[in-house]
PDB file of N, CA and C in Angstrom:
ATOM      1  N   MET A   1     -79.026 -37.813 -88.536  1.00  0.00           N
ATOM      2  CA  MET A   1     -79.730 -37.523 -87.305  1.00  0.00           C
ATOM      3  C   MET A   1     -79.204 -38.447 -86.210  1.00  0.00           C
ATOM      4  N   PHE A   2     -79.220 -37.948 -84.985  1.00  0.00           N
ATOM      5  CA  PHE A   2     -78.776 -38.699 -83.818  1.00  0.00           C
ATOM      6  C   PHE A   2     -79.904 -38.697 -82.797  1.00  0.00           C
ATOM      7  N   GLU A   3     -80.216 -39.873 -82.247  1.00  0.00           N
ATOM      8  CA  GLU A   3     -81.220 -39.977 -81.196  1.00  0.00           C
ATOM      9  C   GLU A   3     -80.716 -40.900 -80.101  1.00  0.00           C
ATOM     10  N   ALA A   4     -80.996 -40.523 -78.853  1.00  0.00           N
ATOM     11  CA  ALA A   4     -80.589 -41.361 -77.728  1.00  0.00           C
ATOM     12  C   ALA A   4     -81.428 -41.014 -76.506  1.00  0.00           C
ATOM     13  N   THR A   5     -81.575 -41.996 -75.640  1.00  0.00           N
ATOM     14  CA  THR A   5     -82.143 -41.782 -74.311  1.00  0.00           C
ATOM     15  C   THR A   5     -81.064 -42.160 -73.315  1.00  0.00           C
ATOM     16  N   ILE A   6     -80.733 -41.219 -72.444  1.00  0.00           N
ATOM     17  CA  ILE A   6     -79.695 -41.419 -71.442  1.00  0.00           C
ATOM     18  C   ILE A   6     -80.372 -41.393 -70.075  1.00  0.00           C
ATOM     19  N   TYR A   7     -80.184 -42.454 -69.306  1.00  0.00           N
ATOM     20  CA  TYR A   7     -80.828 -42.573 -68.005  1.00  0.00           C
ATOM     21  C   TYR A   7     -79.966 -41.956 -66.914  1.00  0.00           C
ATOM     22  N   GLY A   8     -80.632 -41.317 -65.965  1.00  0.00           N
ATOM     23  CA  GLY A   8     -79.969 -40.627 -64.868  1.00  0.00           C
ATOM     24  C   GLY A   8     -80.285 -39.145 -64.936  1.00  0.00           C
ATOM     25  N   GLU A   9     -80.050 -38.453 -63.832  1.00  0.00           N
ATOM     26  CA  GLU A   9     -80.364 -37.031 -63.741  1.00  0.00           C
ATOM     27  C   GLU A   9     -79.090 -36.215 -63.906  1.00  0.00           C
ATOM     28  N   PRO A  10     -79.039 -35.351 -64.929  1.00  0.00           N
ATOM     29  CA  PRO A  10     -77.812 -34.582 -65.152  1.00  0.00           C
ATOM     30  C   PRO A  10     -77.601 -33.519 -64.076  1.00  0.00           C
ATOM     31  N   ALA A  11     -76.353 -33.245 -63.791  1.00  0.00           N
ATOM     32  CA  ALA A  11     -76.006 -32.151 -62.884  1.00  0.00           C
ATOM     33  C   ALA A  11     -76.137 -30.841 -63.638  1.00  0.00           C
ATOM     34  N   SER A  12     -76.570 -29.798 -62.953  1.00  0.00           N
ATOM     35  CA  SER A  12     -76.594 -28.467 -63.537  1.00  0.00           C
ATOM     36  C   SER A  12     -75.152 -27.986 -63.666  1.00  0.00           C
ATOM     37  N   LYS A  13     -74.787 -27.478 -64.819  1.00  0.00           N
ATOM     38  CA  LYS A  13     -73.398 -27.040 -65.006  1.00  0.00           C
ATOM     39  C   LYS A  13     -73.045 -25.916 -64.031  1.00  0.00           C
ATOM     40  N   ALA A  14     -73.994 -25.039 -63.764  1.00  0.00           N
ATOM     41  CA  ALA A  14     -73.743 -23.936 -62.835  1.00  0.00           C
ATOM     42  C   ALA A  14     -73.450 -24.449 -61.427  1.00  0.00           C
ATOM     43  N   ASN A  15     -74.051 -25.572 -61.073  1.00  0.00           N
ATOM     44  CA  ASN A  15     -73.870 -26.132 -59.731  1.00  0.00           C
ATOM     45  C   ASN A  15     -72.986 -27.366 -59.728  1.00  0.00           C
ATOM     46  N   SER A  16     -72.294 -27.630 -60.820  1.00  0.00           N
ATOM     47  CA  SER A  16     -71.558 -28.887 -60.929  1.00  0.00           C
ATOM     48  C   SER A  16     -70.050 -28.726 -60.719  1.00  0.00           C
ATOM     49  N   ARG A  17     -69.646 -27.589 -60.226  1.00  0.00           N
ATOM     50  CA  ARG A  17     -68.214 -27.372 -59.996  1.00  0.00           C
ATOM     51  C   ARG A  17     -67.979 -27.052 -58.530  1.00  0.00           C
ATOM     52  N   LYS A  18     -66.815 -27.484 -58.043  1.00  0.00           N
ATOM     53  CA  LYS A  18     -66.441 -27.138 -56.675  1.00  0.00           C
ATOM     54  C   LYS A  18     -65.027 -26.588 -56.681  1.00  0.00           C
ATOM     55  N   LEU A  19     -64.770 -25.699 -55.739  1.00  0.00           N
ATOM     56  CA  LEU A  19     -63.468 -25.060 -55.622  1.00  0.00           C
ATOM     57  C   LEU A  19     -62.562 -25.921 -54.756  1.00  0.00           C
ATOM     58  N   VAL A  20     -61.384 -26.239 -55.280  1.00  0.00           N
ATOM     59  CA  VAL A  20     -60.387 -27.015 -54.540  1.00  0.00           C
ATOM     60  C   VAL A  20     -59.042 -26.325 -54.676  1.00  0.00           C
ATOM     61  N   THR A  21     -58.124 -26.695 -53.798  1.00  0.00           N
ATOM     62  CA  THR A  21     -56.765 -26.180 -53.884  1.00  0.00           C
ATOM     63  C   THR A  21     -55.849 -27.323 -54.295  1.00  0.00           C
ATOM     64  N   ILE A  22     -55.133 -27.134 -55.397  1.00  0.00           N
ATOM     65  CA  ILE A  22     -54.204 -28.135 -55.912  1.00  0.00           C
ATOM     66  C   ILE A  22     -52.844 -27.457 -56.029  1.00  0.00           C
ATOM     67  N   ALA A  23     -51.874 -28.011 -55.346  1.00  0.00           N
ATOM     68  CA  ALA A  23     -50.512 -27.459 -55.343  1.00  0.00           C
ATOM     69  C   ALA A  23     -50.508 -25.968 -55.012  1.00  0.00           C
ATOM     70  N   GLY A  24     -51.334 -25.590 -54.028  1.00  0.00           N
ATOM     71  CA  GLY A  24     -51.379 -24.206 -53.584  1.00  0.00           C
ATOM     72  C   GLY A  24     -52.165 -23.263 -54.464  1.00  0.00           C
ATOM     73  N   ARG A  25     -52.802 -23.783 -55.506  1.00  0.00           N
ATOM     74  CA  ARG A  25     -53.587 -22.941 -56.425  1.00  0.00           C
ATOM     75  C   ARG A  25     -55.047 -23.345 -56.379  1.00  0.00           C
ATOM     76  N   SER A  26     -55.939 -22.364 -56.379  1.00  0.00           N
ATOM     77  CA  SER A  26     -57.373 -22.624 -56.386  1.00  0.00           C
ATOM     78  C   SER A  26     -57.812 -22.985 -57.798  1.00  0.00           C
ATOM     79  N   ARG A  27     -58.616 -24.014 -57.878  1.00  0.00           N
ATOM     80  CA  ARG A  27     -59.147 -24.463 -59.178  1.00  0.00           C
ATOM     81  C   ARG A  27     -60.574 -24.949 -59.002  1.00  0.00           C
ATOM     82  N   PHE A  28     -61.350 -24.822 -60.081  1.00  0.00           N
ATOM     83  CA  PHE A  28     -62.690 -25.386 -60.086  1.00  0.00           C
ATOM     84  C   PHE A  28     -62.633 -26.734 -60.795  1.00  0.00           C
ATOM     85  N   ILE A  29     -63.211 -27.747 -60.166  1.00  0.00           N
ATOM     86  CA  ILE A  29     -63.290 -29.069 -60.785  1.00  0.00           C
ATOM     87  C   ILE A  29     -64.737 -29.530 -60.761  1.00  0.00           C
ATOM     88  N   LYS A  30     -65.056 -30.515 -61.588  1.00  0.00           N
ATOM     89  CA  LYS A  30     -66.415 -31.045 -61.611  1.00  0.00           C
ATOM     90  C   LYS A  30     -66.730 -31.738 -60.293  1.00  0.00           C
ATOM     91  N   SER A  31     -67.973 -31.581 -59.845  1.00  0.00           N
ATOM     92  CA  SER A  31     -68.427 -32.238 -58.622  1.00  0.00           C
ATOM     93  C   SER A  31     -68.553 -33.741 -58.865  1.00  0.00           C
ATOM     94  N   LYS A  32     -68.690 -34.498 -57.797  1.00  0.00           N
ATOM     95  CA  LYS A  32     -68.862 -35.949 -57.914  1.00  0.00           C
ATOM     96  C   LYS A  32     -70.112 -36.270 -58.727  1.00  0.00           C
ATOM     97  N   LYS A  33     -71.218 -35.535 -58.487  1.00  0.00           N
ATOM     98  CA  LYS A  33     -72.453 -35.779 -59.235  1.00  0.00           C
ATOM     99  C   LYS A  33     -72.227 -35.570 -60.733  1.00  0.00           C
ATOM    100  N   ALA A  34     -71.522 -34.503 -61.085  1.00  0.00           N
ATOM    101  CA  ALA A  34     -71.257 -34.232 -62.502  1.00  0.00           C
ATOM    102  C   ALA A  34     -70.345 -35.299 -63.103  1.00  0.00           C
ATOM    103  N   LEU A  35     -69.289 -35.678 -62.374  1.00  0.00           N
ATOM    104  CA  LEU A  35     -68.373 -36.716 -62.874  1.00  0.00           C
ATOM    105  C   LEU A  35     -69.096 -38.046 -63.049  1.00  0.00           C
ATOM    106  N   ASP A  36     -69.954 -38.403 -62.084  1.00  0.00           N
ATOM    107  CA  ASP A  36     -70.715 -39.658 -62.173  1.00  0.00           C
ATOM    108  C   ASP A  36     -71.655 -39.632 -63.375  1.00  0.00           C
ATOM    109  N   TYR A  37     -72.304 -38.471 -63.618  1.00  0.00           N
ATOM    110  CA  TYR A  37     -73.213 -38.374 -64.758  1.00  0.00           C
ATOM    111  C   TYR A  37     -72.452 -38.499 -66.076  1.00  0.00           C
ATOM    112  N   VAL A  38     -71.326 -37.828 -66.196  1.00  0.00           N
ATOM    113  CA  VAL A  38     -70.519 -37.906 -67.421  1.00  0.00           C
ATOM    114  C   VAL A  38     -70.112 -39.350 -67.681  1.00  0.00           C
ATOM    115  N   ASP A  39     -69.688 -40.050 -66.645  1.00  0.00           N
ATOM    116  CA  ASP A  39     -69.289 -41.454 -66.787  1.00  0.00           C
ATOM    117  C   ASP A  39     -70.476 -42.314 -67.240  1.00  0.00           C
ATOM    118  N   ALA A  40     -71.632 -42.142 -66.600  1.00  0.00           N
ATOM    119  CA  ALA A  40     -72.834 -42.903 -66.978  1.00  0.00           C
ATOM    120  C   ALA A  40     -73.255 -42.569 -68.403  1.00  0.00           C
ATOM    121  N   PHE A  41     -73.170 -41.302 -68.781  1.00  0.00           N
ATOM    122  CA  PHE A  41     -73.532 -40.871 -70.130  1.00  0.00           C
ATOM    123  C   PHE A  41     -72.682 -41.600 -71.160  1.00  0.00           C
ATOM    124  N   LYS A  42     -71.371 -41.601 -70.950  1.00  0.00           N
ATOM    125  CA  LYS A  42     -70.458 -42.229 -71.909  1.00  0.00           C
ATOM    126  C   LYS A  42     -70.703 -43.715 -72.058  1.00  0.00           C
ATOM    127  N   LYS A  43     -71.129 -44.369 -70.982  1.00  0.00           N
ATOM    128  CA  LYS A  43     -71.416 -45.807 -71.043  1.00  0.00           C
ATOM    129  C   LYS A  43     -72.704 -46.104 -71.802  1.00  0.00           C
ATOM    130  N   GLN A  44     -73.635 -45.167 -71.792  1.00  0.00           N
ATOM    131  CA  GLN A  44     -74.950 -45.393 -72.412  1.00  0.00           C
ATOM    132  C   GLN A  44     -75.078 -44.849 -73.822  1.00  0.00           C
ATOM    133  N   CYS A  45     -74.309 -43.840 -74.155  1.00  0.00           N
ATOM    134  CA  CYS A  45     -74.535 -43.102 -75.396  1.00  0.00           C
ATOM    135  C   CYS A  45     -74.010 -43.838 -76.623  1.00  0.00           C
ATOM    136  N   PRO A  46     -74.873 -43.994 -77.637  1.00  0.00           N
ATOM    137  CA  PRO A  46     -74.375 -44.541 -78.905  1.00  0.00           C
ATOM    138  C   PRO A  46     -73.510 -43.490 -79.598  1.00  0.00           C
ATOM    139  N   LYS A  47     -72.670 -43.942 -80.514  1.00  0.00           N
ATOM    140  CA  LYS A  47     -71.792 -43.016 -81.243  1.00  0.00           C
ATOM    141  C   LYS A  47     -72.071 -43.150 -82.734  1.00  0.00           C
ATOM    142  N   LEU A  48     -72.274 -42.020 -83.382  1.00  0.00           N
ATOM    143  CA  LEU A  48     -72.458 -42.041 -84.832  1.00  0.00           C
ATOM    144  C   LEU A  48     -71.160 -42.466 -85.507  1.00  0.00           C
ATOM    145  N   ASP A  49     -71.269 -43.255 -86.563  1.00  0.00           N
ATOM    146  CA  ASP A  49     -70.081 -43.622 -87.336  1.00  0.00           C
ATOM    147  C   ASP A  49     -69.441 -42.378 -87.950  1.00  0.00           C
ATOM    148  N   GLU A  50     -70.281 -41.477 -88.427  1.00  0.00           N
ATOM    149  CA  GLU A  50     -69.817 -40.194 -88.956  1.00  0.00           C
ATOM    150  C   GLU A  50     -70.510 -39.102 -88.163  1.00  0.00           C
ATOM    151  N   LEU A  51     -69.728 -38.343 -87.405  1.00  0.00           N
ATOM    152  CA  LEU A  51     -70.301 -37.272 -86.594  1.00  0.00           C
ATOM    153  C   LEU A  51     -70.957 -36.231 -87.489  1.00  0.00           C
ATOM    154  N   LEU A  52     -72.030 -35.616 -86.977  1.00  0.00           N
ATOM    155  CA  LEU A  52     -72.707 -34.565 -87.723  1.00  0.00           C
ATOM    156  C   LEU A  52     -71.760 -33.380 -87.885  1.00  0.00           C
ATOM    157  N   ASN A  53     -71.698 -32.840 -89.088  1.00  0.00           N
ATOM    158  CA  ASN A  53     -70.854 -31.675 -89.321  1.00  0.00           C
ATOM    159  C   ASN A  53     -71.737 -30.481 -89.625  1.00  0.00           C
ATOM    160  N   GLY A  54     -71.181 -29.310 -89.516  1.00  0.00           N
ATOM    161  CA  GLY A  54     -71.963 -28.100 -89.751  1.00  0.00           C
ATOM    162  C   GLY A  54     -72.863 -27.780 -88.571  1.00  0.00           C
ATOM    163  N   ASP A  55     -73.778 -26.846 -88.806  1.00  0.00           N
ATOM    164  CA  ASP A  55     -74.685 -26.409 -87.751  1.00  0.00           C
ATOM    165  C   ASP A  55     -75.743 -27.465 -87.461  1.00  0.00           C
ATOM    166  N   VAL A  56     -76.095 -27.597 -86.173  1.00  0.00           N
ATOM    167  CA  VAL A  56     -77.108 -28.573 -85.765  1.00  0.00           C
ATOM    168  C   VAL A  56     -78.123 -27.932 -84.831  1.00  0.00           C
ATOM    169  N   LYS A  57     -79.284 -28.587 -84.739  1.00  0.00           N
ATOM    170  CA  LYS A  57     -80.276 -28.200 -83.739  1.00  0.00           C
ATOM    171  C   LYS A  57     -80.472 -29.385 -82.808  1.00  0.00           C
ATOM    172  N   VAL A  58     -80.753 -29.076 -81.555  1.00  0.00           N
ATOM    173  CA  VAL A  58     -80.933 -30.099 -80.525  1.00  0.00           C
ATOM    174  C   VAL A  58     -82.322 -29.952 -79.931  1.00  0.00           C
ATOM    175  N   THR A  59     -83.029 -31.067 -79.856  1.00  0.00           N
ATOM    176  CA  THR A  59     -84.296 -31.122 -79.144  1.00  0.00           C
ATOM    177  C   THR A  59     -84.097 -32.115 -78.011  1.00  0.00           C
ATOM    178  N   MET A  60     -84.463 -31.694 -76.815  1.00  0.00           N
ATOM    179  CA  MET A  60     -84.167 -32.523 -75.653  1.00  0.00           C
ATOM    180  C   MET A  60     -85.278 -32.367 -74.618  1.00  0.00           C
ATOM    181  N   LYS A  61     -85.708 -33.478 -74.049  1.00  0.00           N
ATOM    182  CA  LYS A  61     -86.603 -33.444 -72.893  1.00  0.00           C
ATOM    183  C   LYS A  61     -85.856 -34.102 -71.754  1.00  0.00           C
ATOM    184  N   ILE A  62     -85.642 -33.330 -70.691  1.00  0.00           N
ATOM    185  CA  ILE A  62     -84.920 -33.822 -69.526  1.00  0.00           C
ATOM    186  C   ILE A  62     -85.932 -34.096 -68.428  1.00  0.00           C
ATOM    187  N   TYR A  63     -86.035 -35.358 -68.032  1.00  0.00           N
ATOM    188  CA  TYR A  63     -86.948 -35.770 -66.969  1.00  0.00           C
ATOM    189  C   TYR A  63     -86.176 -35.815 -65.652  1.00  0.00           C
ATOM    190  N   TYR A  64     -86.594 -34.951 -64.713  1.00  0.00           N
ATOM    191  CA  TYR A  64     -85.975 -34.889 -63.392  1.00  0.00           C
ATOM    192  C   TYR A  64     -86.839 -35.641 -62.378  1.00  0.00           C
ATOM    193  N   ARG A  65     -86.231 -36.001 -61.234  1.00  0.00           N
ATOM    194  CA  ARG A  65     -86.975 -36.656 -60.151  1.00  0.00           C
ATOM    195  C   ARG A  65     -87.975 -35.704 -59.484  1.00  0.00           C
ATOM    196  N   THR A  66     -87.580 -34.424 -59.384  1.00  0.00           N
ATOM    197  CA  THR A  66     -88.416 -33.413 -58.722  1.00  0.00           C
ATOM    198  C   THR A  66     -88.390 -32.129 -59.534  1.00  0.00           C
ATOM    199  N   ARG A  67     -89.165 -31.152 -59.081  1.00  0.00           N
ATOM    200  CA  ARG A  67     -89.191 -29.842 -59.733  1.00  0.00           C
ATOM    201  C   ARG A  67     -88.001 -28.969 -59.334  1.00  0.00           C
ATOM    202  N   ARG A  68     -87.226 -29.392 -58.357  1.00  0.00           N
ATOM    203  CA  ARG A  68     -86.165 -28.561 -57.791  1.00  0.00           C
ATOM    204  C   ARG A  68     -85.037 -28.196 -58.764  1.00  0.00           C
ATOM    205  N   PRO A  69     -84.473 -29.124 -59.532  1.00  0.00           N
ATOM    206  CA  PRO A  69     -83.331 -28.745 -60.385  1.00  0.00           C
ATOM    207  C   PRO A  69     -83.699 -27.726 -61.462  1.00  0.00           C
ATOM    208  N   ASP A  70     -82.742 -26.857 -61.744  1.00  0.00           N
ATOM    209  CA  ASP A  70     -82.890 -25.946 -62.880  1.00  0.00           C
ATOM    210  C   ASP A  70     -82.828 -26.756 -64.164  1.00  0.00           C
ATOM    211  N   LEU A  71     -83.570 -26.314 -65.162  1.00  0.00           N
ATOM    212  CA  LEU A  71     -83.479 -26.922 -66.483  1.00  0.00           C
ATOM    213  C   LEU A  71     -82.148 -26.493 -67.085  1.00  0.00           C
ATOM    214  N   ASP A  72     -81.215 -27.436 -67.206  1.00  0.00           N
ATOM    215  CA  ASP A  72     -79.867 -27.105 -67.670  1.00  0.00           C
ATOM    216  C   ASP A  72     -79.326 -28.246 -68.516  1.00  0.00           C
ATOM    217  N   GLU A  73     -79.206 -27.987 -69.796  1.00  0.00           N
ATOM    218  CA  GLU A  73     -78.753 -28.999 -70.753  1.00  0.00           C
ATOM    219  C   GLU A  73     -77.260 -28.926 -71.042  1.00  0.00           C
ATOM    220  N   SER A  74     -76.543 -27.975 -70.456  1.00  0.00           N
ATOM    221  CA  SER A  74     -75.159 -27.709 -70.856  1.00  0.00           C
ATOM    222  C   SER A  74     -74.208 -28.892 -70.642  1.00  0.00           C
ATOM    223  N   VAL A  75     -74.362 -29.651 -69.550  1.00  0.00           N
ATOM    224  CA  VAL A  75     -73.500 -30.818 -69.345  1.00  0.00           C
ATOM    225  C   VAL A  75     -73.770 -31.861 -70.434  1.00  0.00           C
ATOM    226  N   ILE A  76     -75.032 -32.019 -70.809  1.00  0.00           N
ATOM    227  CA  ILE A  76     -75.388 -32.986 -71.851  1.00  0.00           C
ATOM    228  C   ILE A  76     -74.791 -32.556 -73.194  1.00  0.00           C
ATOM    229  N   LEU A  77     -74.886 -31.264 -73.517  1.00  0.00           N
ATOM    230  CA  LEU A  77     -74.312 -30.788 -74.776  1.00  0.00           C
ATOM    231  C   LEU A  77     -72.806 -31.048 -74.816  1.00  0.00           C
ATOM    232  N   ASP A  78     -72.131 -30.834 -73.696  1.00  0.00           N
ATOM    233  CA  ASP A  78     -70.693 -31.149 -73.623  1.00  0.00           C
ATOM    234  C   ASP A  78     -70.456 -32.639 -73.847  1.00  0.00           C
ATOM    235  N   CYS A  79     -71.290 -33.470 -73.206  1.00  0.00           N
ATOM    236  CA  CYS A  79     -71.121 -34.927 -73.307  1.00  0.00           C
ATOM    237  C   CYS A  79     -71.340 -35.444 -74.725  1.00  0.00           C
ATOM    238  N   LEU A  80     -72.162 -34.761 -75.513  1.00  0.00           N
ATOM    239  CA  LEU A  80     -72.449 -35.209 -76.874  1.00  0.00           C
ATOM    240  C   LEU A  80     -71.265 -35.035 -77.828  1.00  0.00           C
ATOM    241  N   GLU A  81     -70.261 -34.262 -77.399  1.00  0.00           N
ATOM    242  CA  GLU A  81     -69.072 -34.092 -78.241  1.00  0.00           C
ATOM    243  C   GLU A  81     -68.385 -35.442 -78.416  1.00  0.00           C
ATOM    244  N   GLY A  82     -68.132 -35.788 -79.667  1.00  0.00           N
ATOM    245  CA  GLY A  82     -67.497 -37.070 -79.974  1.00  0.00           C
ATOM    246  C   GLY A  82     -68.480 -38.217 -80.134  1.00  0.00           C
ATOM    247  N   PHE A  83     -69.761 -37.973 -79.836  1.00  0.00           N
ATOM    248  CA  PHE A  83     -70.801 -38.992 -80.013  1.00  0.00           C
ATOM    249  C   PHE A  83     -71.772 -38.596 -81.133  1.00  0.00           C
ATOM    250  N   ALA A  84     -72.191 -37.313 -81.137  1.00  0.00           N
ATOM    251  CA  ALA A  84     -73.130 -36.829 -82.156  1.00  0.00           C
ATOM    252  C   ALA A  84     -72.479 -35.790 -83.068  1.00  0.00           C
ATOM    253  N   TYR A  85     -71.634 -34.959 -82.486  1.00  0.00           N
ATOM    254  CA  TYR A  85     -70.959 -33.902 -83.238  1.00  0.00           C
ATOM    255  C   TYR A  85     -69.564 -33.709 -82.673  1.00  0.00           C
ATOM    256  N   THR A  86     -68.775 -32.899 -83.375  1.00  0.00           N
ATOM    257  CA  THR A  86     -67.389 -32.664 -82.961  1.00  0.00           C
ATOM    258  C   THR A  86     -67.299 -31.695 -81.797  1.00  0.00           C
ATOM    259  N   ASN A  87     -68.095 -30.625 -81.841  1.00  0.00           N
ATOM    260  CA  ASN A  87     -67.992 -29.585 -80.828  1.00  0.00           C
ATOM    261  C   ASN A  87     -69.365 -28.978 -80.581  1.00  0.00           C
ATOM    262  N   ASP A  88     -69.691 -28.692 -79.319  1.00  0.00           N
ATOM    263  CA  ASP A  88     -71.021 -28.151 -79.036  1.00  0.00           C
ATOM    264  C   ASP A  88     -71.218 -26.734 -79.565  1.00  0.00           C
ATOM    265  N   ARG A  89     -70.167 -26.117 -80.083  1.00  0.00           N
ATOM    266  CA  ARG A  89     -70.326 -24.819 -80.766  1.00  0.00           C
ATOM    267  C   ARG A  89     -71.120 -24.962 -82.063  1.00  0.00           C
ATOM    268  N   GLN A  90     -71.280 -26.193 -82.543  1.00  0.00           N
ATOM    269  CA  GLN A  90     -72.086 -26.433 -83.739  1.00  0.00           C
ATOM    270  C   GLN A  90     -73.577 -26.240 -83.461  1.00  0.00           C
ATOM    271  N   VAL A  91     -73.984 -26.263 -82.196  1.00  0.00           N
ATOM    272  CA  VAL A  91     -75.397 -26.153 -81.832  1.00  0.00           C
ATOM    273  C   VAL A  91     -75.833 -24.703 -82.006  1.00  0.00           C
ATOM    274  N   LYS A  92     -76.723 -24.495 -82.958  1.00  0.00           N
ATOM    275  CA  LYS A  92     -77.202 -23.144 -83.273  1.00  0.00           C
ATOM    276  C   LYS A  92     -78.678 -22.968 -82.947  1.00  0.00           C
ATOM    277  N   GLU A  93     -79.349 -24.066 -82.564  1.00  0.00           N
ATOM    278  CA  GLU A  93     -80.769 -24.008 -82.228  1.00  0.00           C
ATOM    279  C   GLU A  93     -81.026 -25.052 -81.155  1.00  0.00           C
ATOM    280  N   LYS A  94     -81.766 -24.646 -80.095  1.00  0.00           N
ATOM    281  CA  LYS A  94     -82.060 -25.567 -78.994  1.00  0.00           C
ATOM    282  C   LYS A  94     -83.534 -25.509 -78.639  1.00  0.00           C
ATOM    283  N   HIS A  95     -84.099 -26.693 -78.407  1.00  0.00           N
ATOM    284  CA  HIS A  95     -85.465 -26.830 -77.896  1.00  0.00           C
ATOM    285  C   HIS A  95     -85.358 -27.757 -76.689  1.00  0.00           C
ATOM    286  N   ILE A  96     -85.437 -27.182 -75.491  1.00  0.00           N
ATOM    287  CA  ILE A  96     -85.182 -27.928 -74.267  1.00  0.00           C
ATOM    288  C   ILE A  96     -86.441 -27.888 -73.404  1.00  0.00           C
ATOM    289  N   TYR A  97     -86.867 -29.066 -72.938  1.00  0.00           N
ATOM    290  CA  TYR A  97     -88.097 -29.185 -72.162  1.00  0.00           C
ATOM    291  C   TYR A  97     -87.827 -29.883 -70.839  1.00  0.00           C
ATOM    292  N   HIS A  98     -88.577 -29.488 -69.816  1.00  0.00           N
ATOM    293  CA  HIS A  98     -88.472 -30.056 -68.471  1.00  0.00           C
ATOM    294  C   HIS A  98     -89.595 -31.063 -68.285  1.00  0.00           C
ATOM    295  N   GLY A  99     -89.247 -32.264 -67.817  1.00  0.00           N
ATOM    296  CA  GLY A  99     -90.243 -33.270 -67.499  1.00  0.00           C
ATOM    297  C   GLY A  99     -90.005 -33.799 -66.095  1.00  0.00           C
ATOM    298  N   LEU A 100     -91.007 -34.467 -65.551  1.00  0.00           N
ATOM    299  CA  LEU A 100     -90.896 -35.075 -64.220  1.00  0.00           C
ATOM    300  C   LEU A 100     -91.124 -36.572 -64.328  1.00  0.00           C
ATOM    301  N   ASP A 101     -90.232 -37.341 -63.739  1.00  0.00           N
ATOM    302  CA  ASP A 101     -90.392 -38.782 -63.630  1.00  0.00           C
ATOM    303  C   ASP A 101     -89.556 -39.247 -62.437  1.00  0.00           C
ATOM    304  N   LYS A 102     -90.188 -39.316 -61.284  1.00  0.00           N
ATOM    305  CA  LYS A 102     -89.490 -39.641 -60.032  1.00  0.00           C
ATOM    306  C   LYS A 102     -88.771 -40.980 -60.104  1.00  0.00           C
ATOM    307  N   GLU A 103     -89.362 -41.929 -60.793  1.00  0.00           N
ATOM    308  CA  GLU A 103     -88.816 -43.290 -60.843  1.00  0.00           C
ATOM    309  C   GLU A 103     -87.793 -43.500 -61.959  1.00  0.00           C
ATOM    310  N   ASN A 104     -87.826 -42.654 -62.988  1.00  0.00           N
ATOM    311  CA  ASN A 104     -87.001 -42.917 -64.163  1.00  0.00           C
ATOM    312  C   ASN A 104     -86.458 -41.623 -64.777  1.00  0.00           C
ATOM    313  N   PRO A 105     -85.603 -40.878 -64.044  1.00  0.00           N
ATOM    314  CA  PRO A 105     -85.063 -39.655 -64.644  1.00  0.00           C
ATOM    315  C   PRO A 105     -84.207 -40.000 -65.863  1.00  0.00           C
ATOM    316  N   ARG A 106     -84.289 -39.153 -66.887  1.00  0.00           N
ATOM    317  CA  ARG A 106     -83.590 -39.457 -68.138  1.00  0.00           C
ATOM    318  C   ARG A 106     -83.595 -38.235 -69.029  1.00  0.00           C
ATOM    319  N   SER A 107     -82.834 -38.318 -70.092  1.00  0.00           N
ATOM    320  CA  SER A 107     -82.818 -37.275 -71.122  1.00  0.00           C
ATOM    321  C   SER A 107     -83.065 -37.933 -72.464  1.00  0.00           C
ATOM    322  N   GLU A 108     -84.076 -37.453 -73.163  1.00  0.00           N
ATOM    323  CA  GLU A 108     -84.385 -37.928 -74.512  1.00  0.00           C
ATOM    324  C   GLU A 108     -83.844 -36.865 -75.470  1.00  0.00           C
ATOM    325  N   ILE A 109     -82.913 -37.287 -76.321  1.00  0.00           N
ATOM    326  CA  ILE A 109     -82.106 -36.339 -77.106  1.00  0.00           C
ATOM    327  C   ILE A 109     -82.256 -36.624 -78.603  1.00  0.00           C
ATOM    328  N   CYS A 110     -82.429 -35.546 -79.354  1.00  0.00           N
ATOM    329  CA  CYS A 110     -82.423 -35.640 -80.811  1.00  0.00           C
ATOM    330  C   CYS A 110     -81.537 -34.509 -81.344  1.00  0.00           C
ATOM    331  N   VAL A 111     -80.568 -34.857 -82.188  1.00  0.00           N
ATOM    332  CA  VAL A 111     -79.693 -33.867 -82.805  1.00  0.00           C
ATOM    333  C   VAL A 111     -79.828 -34.017 -84.323  1.00  0.00           C
ATOM    334  N   GLU A 112     -80.085 -32.889 -85.001  1.00  0.00           N
ATOM    335  CA  GLU A 112     -80.275 -32.909 -86.455  1.00  0.00           C
ATOM    336  C   GLU A 112     -79.467 -31.793 -87.106  1.00  0.00           C
ATOM    337  N   ARG A 113     -79.017 -32.057 -88.316  1.00  0.00           N
ATOM    338  CA  ARG A 113     -78.355 -31.013 -89.101  1.00  0.00           C
ATOM    339  C   ARG A 113     -79.373 -29.927 -89.423  1.00  0.00           C
ATOM    340  N   ILE A 114     -78.898 -28.706 -89.485  1.00  0.00           N
ATOM    341  CA  ILE A 114     -79.731 -27.591 -89.940  1.00  0.00           C
ATOM    342  C   ILE A 114     -79.445 -27.430 -91.415  1.00  0.00           C
ATOM    343  N   ALA A 115     -80.502 -27.549 -92.213  1.00  0.00           N
ATOM    344  CA  ALA A 115     -80.345 -27.390 -93.668  1.00  0.00           C
ATOM    345  C   ALA A 115     -79.877 -25.973 -93.966  1.00  0.00           C
ATOM    346  N   GLY A 116     -78.910 -25.860 -94.834  1.00  0.00           N
ATOM    347  CA  GLY A 116     -78.438 -24.507 -95.099  1.00  0.00           C
ATOM    348  C   GLY A 116     -77.690 -24.403 -96.300  1.00  0.00           C
TER     349      GLY A 116
END
């Protein structure tokens, strides 16, 4: 089992990309908010000595500063790769909850193997 609390407000994956032109080609890249969150996540997240293998379920409560952001765990699931599991395709069950904490936005995360 993997458990962690990550402080900060995650960017919504749907709203975390911006269109830029690089060498004459249009590309989508992560926004500054998304890049900053990924960096903060990596600094805070513990890493399992042995990553969970097989199918997993994720339970997560994401505390936002306000009611405005969409409940979106996708950036967090991406960030957990290499810390809790190898690939977020292993996630076969999700329980995601929205919380409010203006002073202390955070994500409380639990990842467990699915018995099978």
